């Protein structure tokens, strides 16, 4: 059965996007990362939030724009949206998290379902369906933007460390959620 993984690059102060969803901050921090290179072939499907799908791209104005992992991954994507569009090119628009999880798990088989988007990850967590979190911590402070995890009023999510490593451009922290 697929493992549900939330992966994101975040600033040291915990933001995955800058103010207004800006992803341009990430561009100078994109660099080879062996952990990601090893993960990509183990991903069987993506669940992507609509804002992430249609939002800013750190690869804009390059041939990698609009492609998951800058073109390093190709496969089925399930976009969660209340405004579905026609499906095309391996992209399926779904109305809610339960549908996304069911379809992405079926597509992924025993590989990872990778979640992209903070709100979608939060919804998966609230549903008790998020298994792991992989955070690449970039050496920058943004001060504002979209946090890795936002739950007004707070909540504690306990985790155990699976792997920690570093590259010249990031600290990789891979955790398993304790259920």
N, C-alpha and C. Protein backbone atom coordinates (compact mmCIF):
# COMPACT_ATOMS: atom_id res chain seq x y z
N UNK A 1 0.84 -1.18 0.00
CA UNK A 1 0.00 0.00 0.00
C UNK A 1 0.88 1.24 0.00
N UNK A 2 0.45 2.26 -0.70
CA UNK A 2 1.22 3.49 -0.84
C UNK A 2 1.39 4.21 0.49
N UNK A 3 2.53 4.84 0.66
CA UNK A 3 2.81 5.73 1.78
C UNK A 3 2.51 7.14 1.33
N UNK A 4 1.80 7.90 2.17
CA UNK A 4 1.45 9.27 1.83
C UNK A 4 2.53 10.19 2.42
N UNK A 5 3.25 10.88 1.56
CA UNK A 5 4.39 11.72 1.91
C UNK A 5 4.12 13.17 1.53
N UNK A 6 4.32 14.08 2.45
CA UNK A 6 4.28 15.52 2.16
C UNK A 6 5.72 15.97 2.04
N UNK A 7 6.10 16.49 0.87
CA UNK A 7 7.46 17.00 0.70
C UNK A 7 7.40 18.45 0.28
N UNK A 8 8.35 19.22 0.81
CA UNK A 8 8.41 20.65 0.48
C UNK A 8 9.78 21.19 0.84
N UNK A 9 10.17 22.22 0.13
CA UNK A 9 11.32 23.01 0.54
C UNK A 9 10.78 24.21 1.29
N UNK A 10 11.39 24.50 2.44
CA UNK A 10 10.92 25.63 3.23
C UNK A 10 12.12 26.49 3.65
N UNK A 11 11.80 27.72 3.98
CA UNK A 11 12.81 28.62 4.52
C UNK A 11 13.09 28.20 5.97
N UNK A 12 14.19 28.69 6.51
CA UNK A 12 14.53 28.36 7.89
C UNK A 12 13.45 28.80 8.87
N UNK A 13 12.69 29.85 8.53
CA UNK A 13 11.61 30.30 9.41
C UNK A 13 10.27 29.65 9.07
N UNK A 14 10.27 28.59 8.25
CA UNK A 14 9.10 27.73 8.11
C UNK A 14 8.14 28.03 6.99
N UNK A 15 8.52 28.83 6.00
CA UNK A 15 7.61 29.17 4.90
C UNK A 15 7.97 28.39 3.63
N UNK A 16 6.94 27.84 2.96
CA UNK A 16 7.17 27.11 1.72
C UNK A 16 6.91 27.98 0.49
N UNK A 17 6.23 29.09 0.68
CA UNK A 17 6.03 30.09 -0.37
C UNK A 17 6.13 31.45 0.30
N UNK A 18 6.58 32.43 -0.46
CA UNK A 18 6.67 33.78 0.06
C UNK A 18 5.31 34.47 0.03
N UNK A 19 5.26 35.74 0.39
CA UNK A 19 4.01 36.49 0.35
C UNK A 19 3.34 36.39 -1.02
N UNK A 20 2.03 36.21 -1.01
CA UNK A 20 1.28 36.11 -2.25
C UNK A 20 1.55 34.85 -3.04
N UNK A 21 2.14 33.83 -2.40
CA UNK A 21 2.43 32.58 -3.08
C UNK A 21 3.71 32.60 -3.91
N UNK A 22 4.53 33.62 -3.73
CA UNK A 22 5.77 33.76 -4.51
C UNK A 22 6.70 32.57 -4.28
N UNK A 23 7.12 31.95 -5.38
CA UNK A 23 8.07 30.85 -5.31
C UNK A 23 9.44 31.24 -5.86
N UNK A 24 9.59 32.49 -6.29
CA UNK A 24 10.86 32.96 -6.82
C UNK A 24 11.99 32.87 -5.81
N UNK A 25 11.66 32.94 -4.52
CA UNK A 25 12.68 32.85 -3.48
C UNK A 25 13.45 31.53 -3.58
N UNK A 26 12.78 30.49 -4.09
CA UNK A 26 13.35 29.14 -4.11
C UNK A 26 14.41 28.96 -5.21
N UNK A 27 14.28 29.71 -6.29
CA UNK A 27 15.14 29.50 -7.46
C UNK A 27 16.64 29.43 -7.12
N UNK A 28 17.20 30.36 -6.34
CA UNK A 28 18.64 30.25 -6.07
C UNK A 28 19.02 29.07 -5.17
N UNK A 29 18.03 28.41 -4.60
CA UNK A 29 18.30 27.29 -3.69
C UNK A 29 18.09 25.93 -4.35
N UNK A 30 17.71 25.93 -5.62
CA UNK A 30 17.54 24.67 -6.34
C UNK A 30 18.92 24.14 -6.71
N UNK A 31 19.20 22.96 -6.29
CA UNK A 31 20.52 22.36 -6.53
C UNK A 31 20.38 20.85 -6.47
N UNK A 32 21.32 20.14 -7.02
CA UNK A 32 21.28 18.67 -6.92
C UNK A 32 21.17 18.22 -5.46
N UNK A 33 20.34 17.19 -5.26
CA UNK A 33 20.13 16.66 -3.92
C UNK A 33 19.92 15.15 -4.09
N UNK A 34 20.87 14.37 -3.65
CA UNK A 34 20.82 12.92 -3.85
C UNK A 34 19.58 12.29 -3.22
N UNK A 35 19.14 12.82 -2.08
CA UNK A 35 17.95 12.28 -1.43
C UNK A 35 16.74 12.41 -2.35
N UNK A 36 16.59 13.55 -3.00
CA UNK A 36 15.47 13.76 -3.91
C UNK A 36 15.65 12.90 -5.17
N UNK A 37 16.87 12.83 -5.67
CA UNK A 37 17.13 11.97 -6.83
C UNK A 37 16.74 10.51 -6.54
N UNK A 38 16.99 10.05 -5.32
CA UNK A 38 16.63 8.69 -4.94
C UNK A 38 15.13 8.53 -4.71
N UNK A 39 14.47 9.59 -4.24
CA UNK A 39 13.04 9.54 -3.98
C UNK A 39 12.21 9.53 -5.25
N UNK A 40 12.56 10.34 -6.22
CA UNK A 40 11.72 10.55 -7.41
C UNK A 40 11.26 9.25 -8.06
N UNK A 41 12.12 8.26 -8.31
CA UNK A 41 11.62 7.03 -8.94
C UNK A 41 10.72 6.20 -8.03
N UNK A 42 10.67 6.54 -6.75
CA UNK A 42 9.83 5.82 -5.80
C UNK A 42 8.45 6.46 -5.64
N UNK A 43 8.20 7.55 -6.37
CA UNK A 43 6.91 8.24 -6.33
C UNK A 43 6.02 7.66 -7.42
N UNK A 44 4.84 7.20 -7.02
CA UNK A 44 3.90 6.62 -7.98
C UNK A 44 2.81 7.56 -8.42
N UNK A 45 2.52 8.59 -7.61
CA UNK A 45 1.46 9.54 -7.95
C UNK A 45 1.64 10.79 -7.10
N UNK A 46 1.07 11.89 -7.57
CA UNK A 46 1.06 13.14 -6.83
C UNK A 46 -0.36 13.54 -6.50
N UNK A 47 -0.54 14.11 -5.32
CA UNK A 47 -1.76 14.84 -4.97
C UNK A 47 -1.32 16.28 -4.82
N UNK A 48 -1.94 17.16 -5.60
CA UNK A 48 -1.51 18.55 -5.66
C UNK A 48 -2.70 19.47 -5.36
N UNK A 49 -2.46 20.46 -4.53
CA UNK A 49 -3.48 21.47 -4.28
C UNK A 49 -3.64 22.36 -5.50
N UNK A 50 -4.83 22.89 -5.68
CA UNK A 50 -5.11 23.73 -6.84
C UNK A 50 -4.25 24.99 -6.86
N UNK A 51 -4.02 25.60 -5.68
CA UNK A 51 -3.16 26.80 -5.65
C UNK A 51 -1.73 26.45 -6.03
N UNK A 52 -1.25 25.30 -5.60
CA UNK A 52 0.09 24.87 -5.98
C UNK A 52 0.14 24.57 -7.47
N UNK A 53 -0.86 23.88 -7.98
CA UNK A 53 -0.90 23.52 -9.40
C UNK A 53 -0.89 24.75 -10.30
N UNK A 54 -1.68 25.74 -9.95
CA UNK A 54 -1.80 26.93 -10.80
C UNK A 54 -0.96 28.10 -10.34
N UNK A 55 -0.15 27.90 -9.31
CA UNK A 55 0.58 29.01 -8.72
C UNK A 55 1.93 29.29 -9.36
N UNK A 56 2.69 30.10 -8.66
CA UNK A 56 4.02 30.51 -9.10
C UNK A 56 4.93 29.29 -9.19
N UNK A 57 5.94 29.38 -10.03
CA UNK A 57 6.83 28.24 -10.30
C UNK A 57 8.27 28.72 -10.21
N UNK A 58 9.09 28.08 -9.36
CA UNK A 58 10.49 28.51 -9.27
C UNK A 58 11.27 28.24 -10.56
N UNK A 59 10.68 27.46 -11.46
CA UNK A 59 11.32 27.15 -12.75
C UNK A 59 10.76 28.00 -13.89
N UNK A 60 9.93 29.02 -13.57
CA UNK A 60 9.32 29.79 -14.65
C UNK A 60 10.40 30.38 -15.55
N UNK A 61 10.02 30.55 -16.80
CA UNK A 61 10.91 31.07 -17.84
C UNK A 61 12.04 30.11 -18.19
N UNK A 62 11.86 28.81 -17.84
CA UNK A 62 12.82 27.79 -18.24
C UNK A 62 12.04 26.63 -18.86
N UNK A 63 12.76 25.68 -19.43
CA UNK A 63 12.09 24.51 -20.01
C UNK A 63 11.57 23.55 -18.93
N UNK A 64 11.87 23.83 -17.66
CA UNK A 64 11.40 23.00 -16.55
C UNK A 64 10.08 23.51 -15.96
N UNK A 65 9.60 24.65 -16.43
CA UNK A 65 8.40 25.27 -15.88
C UNK A 65 7.19 24.35 -16.00
N UNK A 66 6.39 24.30 -14.94
CA UNK A 66 5.15 23.55 -14.94
C UNK A 66 5.31 22.05 -14.82
N UNK A 67 6.53 21.58 -14.61
CA UNK A 67 6.77 20.14 -14.54
C UNK A 67 7.14 19.75 -13.11
N UNK A 68 6.52 18.69 -12.58
CA UNK A 68 6.86 18.26 -11.22
C UNK A 68 8.35 17.97 -11.08
N UNK A 69 8.89 18.45 -9.98
CA UNK A 69 10.32 18.27 -9.69
C UNK A 69 11.17 18.79 -10.86
N UNK A 70 10.72 19.89 -11.47
CA UNK A 70 11.47 20.50 -12.55
C UNK A 70 11.64 19.59 -13.75
N UNK A 71 10.70 18.68 -13.94
CA UNK A 71 10.77 17.74 -15.06
C UNK A 71 11.42 16.42 -14.70
N UNK A 72 11.82 16.27 -13.45
CA UNK A 72 12.47 15.04 -13.02
C UNK A 72 11.51 13.89 -12.77
N UNK A 73 10.21 14.18 -12.72
CA UNK A 73 9.21 13.14 -12.45
C UNK A 73 8.09 13.26 -13.46
N UNK A 74 7.54 12.12 -13.83
CA UNK A 74 6.39 12.09 -14.73
C UNK A 74 5.48 10.96 -14.27
N UNK A 75 4.20 11.23 -14.18
CA UNK A 75 3.24 10.22 -13.78
C UNK A 75 1.90 10.85 -13.47
N UNK A 76 0.99 10.07 -12.88
CA UNK A 76 -0.36 10.58 -12.61
C UNK A 76 -0.37 11.64 -11.51
N UNK A 77 -1.12 12.71 -11.79
CA UNK A 77 -1.30 13.79 -10.83
C UNK A 77 -2.78 13.96 -10.57
N UNK A 78 -3.12 14.13 -9.31
CA UNK A 78 -4.51 14.33 -8.90
C UNK A 78 -4.59 15.72 -8.25
N UNK A 79 -5.28 16.63 -8.93
CA UNK A 79 -5.38 18.02 -8.50
C UNK A 79 -6.70 18.19 -7.76
N UNK A 80 -6.62 18.60 -6.49
CA UNK A 80 -7.82 18.79 -5.68
C UNK A 80 -8.35 20.20 -5.91
N UNK A 81 -9.58 20.28 -6.43
CA UNK A 81 -10.17 21.58 -6.74
C UNK A 81 -11.69 21.52 -6.68
N UNK A 82 -12.29 22.65 -6.35
CA UNK A 82 -13.75 22.77 -6.38
C UNK A 82 -14.22 23.22 -7.76
N UNK A 83 -13.27 23.51 -8.66
CA UNK A 83 -13.59 23.92 -10.02
C UNK A 83 -12.91 22.96 -11.01
N UNK A 84 -13.48 21.75 -11.15
CA UNK A 84 -12.84 20.76 -12.03
C UNK A 84 -12.77 21.23 -13.49
N UNK A 85 -11.76 20.75 -14.16
CA UNK A 85 -11.56 21.01 -15.57
C UNK A 85 -11.43 19.66 -16.27
N UNK A 86 -11.42 19.65 -17.57
CA UNK A 86 -11.23 18.36 -18.26
C UNK A 86 -9.86 17.76 -17.92
N UNK A 87 -9.84 16.47 -17.72
CA UNK A 87 -8.59 15.76 -17.44
C UNK A 87 -7.78 15.66 -18.72
N UNK A 88 -6.45 15.73 -18.58
CA UNK A 88 -5.57 15.62 -19.75
C UNK A 88 -4.15 15.31 -19.33
N UNK A 89 -3.44 14.57 -20.17
CA UNK A 89 -2.00 14.33 -19.99
C UNK A 89 -1.62 13.83 -18.59
N UNK A 90 -2.36 12.88 -18.07
CA UNK A 90 -2.03 12.33 -16.75
C UNK A 90 -2.47 13.18 -15.59
N UNK A 91 -3.19 14.26 -15.85
CA UNK A 91 -3.67 15.15 -14.79
C UNK A 91 -5.17 14.92 -14.64
N UNK A 92 -5.57 14.55 -13.41
CA UNK A 92 -6.97 14.30 -13.09
C UNK A 92 -7.41 15.29 -12.04
N UNK A 93 -8.50 15.98 -12.29
CA UNK A 93 -9.04 16.94 -11.32
C UNK A 93 -10.08 16.22 -10.47
N UNK A 94 -9.91 16.31 -9.15
CA UNK A 94 -10.81 15.62 -8.21
C UNK A 94 -11.39 16.63 -7.24
N UNK A 95 -12.59 16.33 -6.69
CA UNK A 95 -13.28 17.33 -5.87
C UNK A 95 -12.88 17.39 -4.40
N UNK A 96 -12.19 16.35 -3.90
CA UNK A 96 -11.93 16.34 -2.46
C UNK A 96 -10.77 15.41 -2.11
N UNK A 97 -10.35 15.48 -0.86
CA UNK A 97 -9.22 14.68 -0.38
C UNK A 97 -9.52 13.18 -0.41
N UNK A 98 -10.69 12.72 0.05
CA UNK A 98 -10.93 11.27 -0.01
C UNK A 98 -10.81 10.71 -1.43
N UNK A 99 -11.35 11.43 -2.42
CA UNK A 99 -11.24 10.97 -3.80
C UNK A 99 -9.79 10.99 -4.26
N UNK A 100 -9.07 12.05 -3.93
CA UNK A 100 -7.65 12.15 -4.32
C UNK A 100 -6.85 11.01 -3.73
N UNK A 101 -7.05 10.73 -2.45
CA UNK A 101 -6.32 9.66 -1.78
C UNK A 101 -6.63 8.30 -2.40
N UNK A 102 -7.91 8.03 -2.64
CA UNK A 102 -8.31 6.74 -3.21
C UNK A 102 -7.69 6.55 -4.59
N UNK A 103 -7.81 7.56 -5.45
CA UNK A 103 -7.32 7.42 -6.82
C UNK A 103 -5.79 7.43 -6.88
N UNK A 104 -5.15 8.26 -6.06
CA UNK A 104 -3.68 8.32 -6.07
C UNK A 104 -3.09 7.03 -5.52
N UNK A 105 -3.68 6.48 -4.46
CA UNK A 105 -3.20 5.19 -3.93
C UNK A 105 -3.30 4.09 -4.98
N UNK A 106 -4.43 4.05 -5.68
CA UNK A 106 -4.61 3.03 -6.71
C UNK A 106 -3.56 3.19 -7.81
N UNK A 107 -3.27 4.42 -8.18
CA UNK A 107 -2.29 4.67 -9.24
C UNK A 107 -0.86 4.38 -8.78
N UNK A 108 -0.56 4.66 -7.50
CA UNK A 108 0.80 4.52 -6.99
C UNK A 108 1.18 3.09 -6.66
N UNK A 109 0.21 2.26 -6.36
CA UNK A 109 0.53 0.89 -5.94
C UNK A 109 1.27 0.90 -4.62
N UNK A 110 2.48 0.32 -4.59
CA UNK A 110 3.23 0.28 -3.34
C UNK A 110 4.29 1.40 -3.27
N UNK A 111 4.23 2.35 -4.20
CA UNK A 111 5.17 3.48 -4.19
C UNK A 111 4.55 4.65 -3.41
N UNK A 112 5.30 5.73 -3.31
CA UNK A 112 4.83 6.91 -2.58
C UNK A 112 3.75 7.65 -3.34
N UNK A 113 2.80 8.20 -2.58
CA UNK A 113 1.92 9.26 -3.06
C UNK A 113 2.50 10.52 -2.45
N UNK A 114 2.97 11.41 -3.29
CA UNK A 114 3.63 12.63 -2.81
C UNK A 114 2.63 13.78 -2.83
N UNK A 115 2.46 14.44 -1.70
CA UNK A 115 1.53 15.55 -1.54
C UNK A 115 2.30 16.85 -1.75
N UNK A 116 1.75 17.72 -2.61
CA UNK A 116 2.32 19.04 -2.84
C UNK A 116 1.26 20.08 -2.52
N UNK A 117 1.56 20.94 -1.56
CA UNK A 117 0.64 22.00 -1.15
C UNK A 117 0.33 21.91 0.34
N UNK A 118 0.52 23.01 1.04
CA UNK A 118 0.37 23.04 2.50
C UNK A 118 -1.05 22.72 2.95
N UNK A 119 -2.05 23.29 2.29
CA UNK A 119 -3.43 23.06 2.74
C UNK A 119 -3.85 21.61 2.48
N UNK A 120 -3.42 21.05 1.36
CA UNK A 120 -3.75 19.66 1.05
C UNK A 120 -3.07 18.74 2.06
N UNK A 121 -1.82 19.03 2.41
CA UNK A 121 -1.12 18.23 3.42
C UNK A 121 -1.84 18.31 4.76
N UNK A 122 -2.29 19.51 5.13
CA UNK A 122 -3.02 19.66 6.39
C UNK A 122 -4.30 18.83 6.38
N UNK A 123 -5.02 18.85 5.26
CA UNK A 123 -6.25 18.07 5.16
C UNK A 123 -5.97 16.57 5.25
N UNK A 124 -4.89 16.12 4.62
CA UNK A 124 -4.51 14.70 4.71
C UNK A 124 -4.17 14.34 6.15
N UNK A 125 -3.47 15.23 6.84
CA UNK A 125 -3.12 15.00 8.23
C UNK A 125 -4.37 14.94 9.10
N UNK A 126 -5.29 15.88 8.90
CA UNK A 126 -6.53 15.89 9.69
C UNK A 126 -7.36 14.63 9.44
N UNK A 127 -7.26 14.07 8.25
CA UNK A 127 -7.99 12.84 7.92
C UNK A 127 -7.28 11.60 8.46
N UNK A 128 -6.10 11.80 9.07
CA UNK A 128 -5.33 10.68 9.60
C UNK A 128 -4.63 9.88 8.51
N UNK A 129 -4.43 10.48 7.35
CA UNK A 129 -3.88 9.77 6.20
C UNK A 129 -2.44 10.13 5.85
N UNK A 130 -1.88 11.15 6.47
CA UNK A 130 -0.50 11.54 6.16
C UNK A 130 0.45 10.68 6.97
N UNK A 131 1.43 10.06 6.28
CA UNK A 131 2.35 9.15 6.94
C UNK A 131 3.71 9.76 7.25
N UNK A 132 4.25 10.54 6.30
CA UNK A 132 5.61 11.05 6.43
C UNK A 132 5.69 12.48 5.92
N UNK A 133 6.71 13.20 6.40
CA UNK A 133 6.99 14.57 5.97
C UNK A 133 8.47 14.67 5.65
N UNK A 134 8.79 15.14 4.46
CA UNK A 134 10.16 15.40 4.05
C UNK A 134 10.29 16.89 3.81
N UNK A 135 11.15 17.53 4.59
CA UNK A 135 11.36 18.96 4.47
C UNK A 135 12.80 19.24 4.09
N UNK A 136 12.99 19.99 3.03
CA UNK A 136 14.31 20.49 2.66
C UNK A 136 14.37 21.92 3.17
N UNK A 137 15.23 22.18 4.12
CA UNK A 137 15.30 23.49 4.76
C UNK A 137 16.37 24.31 4.06
N UNK A 138 15.94 25.39 3.41
CA UNK A 138 16.84 26.26 2.66
C UNK A 138 17.41 27.33 3.59
N UNK A 139 18.66 27.74 3.37
CA UNK A 139 19.29 28.72 4.24
C UNK A 139 18.86 30.16 3.91
N UNK A 140 17.60 30.46 4.23
CA UNK A 140 17.05 31.79 3.97
C UNK A 140 15.90 32.03 4.95
N UNK A 141 15.69 33.28 5.34
CA UNK A 141 14.54 33.68 6.15
C UNK A 141 13.62 34.51 5.26
N UNK A 142 12.35 34.16 5.21
CA UNK A 142 11.39 34.90 4.38
C UNK A 142 10.56 35.89 5.19
N UNK A 143 10.27 35.57 6.44
CA UNK A 143 9.52 36.49 7.29
C UNK A 143 8.02 36.46 7.11
N UNK A 144 7.53 35.95 6.00
CA UNK A 144 6.09 35.91 5.75
C UNK A 144 5.84 34.97 4.57
N UNK A 145 4.62 34.49 4.48
CA UNK A 145 4.26 33.64 3.36
C UNK A 145 3.38 32.49 3.81
N UNK A 146 3.45 31.40 3.09
CA UNK A 146 2.68 30.19 3.39
C UNK A 146 3.51 29.27 4.27
N UNK A 147 3.04 29.00 5.50
CA UNK A 147 3.83 28.13 6.37
C UNK A 147 3.74 26.67 5.94
N UNK A 148 4.74 25.89 6.32
CA UNK A 148 4.76 24.46 6.04
C UNK A 148 3.50 23.81 6.58
N UNK A 149 3.10 24.20 7.78
CA UNK A 149 1.92 23.65 8.43
C UNK A 149 1.23 24.76 9.19
N UNK A 150 -0.06 24.92 8.95
CA UNK A 150 -0.83 25.96 9.62
C UNK A 150 -2.10 25.33 10.18
N UNK A 151 -2.27 25.48 11.47
CA UNK A 151 -3.48 25.00 12.13
C UNK A 151 -3.85 26.03 13.19
N UNK A 152 -4.72 27.00 12.83
CA UNK A 152 -5.08 28.05 13.79
C UNK A 152 -5.55 27.44 15.12
N UNK A 153 -5.04 27.99 16.17
CA UNK A 153 -5.34 27.46 17.49
C UNK A 153 -4.31 26.44 17.93
N UNK A 154 -3.54 25.97 16.97
CA UNK A 154 -2.44 25.05 17.27
C UNK A 154 -2.87 23.61 17.40
N UNK A 155 -1.93 22.76 17.19
CA UNK A 155 -2.09 21.34 17.39
C UNK A 155 -0.69 20.74 17.43
N UNK A 156 -0.53 19.67 18.14
CA UNK A 156 0.76 19.00 18.19
C UNK A 156 0.71 17.75 17.35
N UNK A 157 1.66 17.64 16.45
CA UNK A 157 1.79 16.46 15.61
C UNK A 157 3.12 15.84 15.95
N UNK A 158 3.09 14.69 16.57
CA UNK A 158 4.32 14.02 16.99
C UNK A 158 4.91 13.23 15.83
N UNK A 159 6.24 13.28 15.75
CA UNK A 159 6.95 12.59 14.66
C UNK A 159 8.20 11.92 15.21
N UNK A 160 8.68 10.98 14.41
CA UNK A 160 9.97 10.38 14.70
C UNK A 160 10.87 10.58 13.49
N UNK A 161 12.13 10.79 13.76
CA UNK A 161 13.11 11.05 12.71
C UNK A 161 13.42 9.78 11.94
N UNK A 162 13.36 9.88 10.60
CA UNK A 162 13.75 8.77 9.74
C UNK A 162 15.14 9.00 9.14
N UNK A 163 15.40 10.25 8.75
CA UNK A 163 16.66 10.55 8.07
C UNK A 163 16.93 12.05 8.15
N UNK A 164 18.16 12.42 8.45
CA UNK A 164 18.59 13.81 8.39
C UNK A 164 19.94 13.84 7.68
N UNK A 165 20.06 14.72 6.69
CA UNK A 165 21.31 14.89 5.96
C UNK A 165 21.38 16.33 5.47
N UNK A 166 22.47 16.66 4.80
CA UNK A 166 22.56 18.01 4.26
C UNK A 166 23.30 18.01 2.94
N UNK A 167 23.03 19.08 2.19
CA UNK A 167 23.73 19.39 0.95
C UNK A 167 24.24 20.81 1.13
N UNK A 168 25.00 21.34 0.20
CA UNK A 168 25.42 22.74 0.32
C UNK A 168 24.25 23.72 0.31
N UNK A 169 23.07 23.31 -0.22
CA UNK A 169 21.93 24.22 -0.34
C UNK A 169 20.75 23.89 0.58
N UNK A 170 20.80 22.78 1.32
CA UNK A 170 19.64 22.43 2.15
C UNK A 170 20.00 21.43 3.24
N UNK A 171 19.18 21.46 4.27
CA UNK A 171 19.17 20.40 5.29
C UNK A 171 17.94 19.55 4.99
N UNK A 172 18.12 18.26 4.84
CA UNK A 172 17.01 17.34 4.57
C UNK A 172 16.56 16.72 5.88
N UNK A 173 15.28 16.87 6.21
CA UNK A 173 14.72 16.28 7.42
C UNK A 173 13.50 15.45 7.03
N UNK A 174 13.62 14.12 7.18
CA UNK A 174 12.54 13.19 6.81
C UNK A 174 12.00 12.59 8.11
N UNK A 175 10.70 12.76 8.32
CA UNK A 175 10.06 12.33 9.56
C UNK A 175 8.86 11.45 9.26
N UNK A 176 8.57 10.56 10.21
CA UNK A 176 7.36 9.74 10.17
C UNK A 176 6.41 10.26 11.23
N UNK A 177 5.15 10.37 10.88
CA UNK A 177 4.13 10.82 11.82
C UNK A 177 3.78 9.65 12.74
N UNK A 178 3.78 9.93 14.02
CA UNK A 178 3.39 8.92 15.01
C UNK A 178 1.88 8.96 15.13
N UNK A 179 1.26 7.83 14.83
CA UNK A 179 -0.22 7.78 14.85
C UNK A 179 -0.70 7.03 16.07
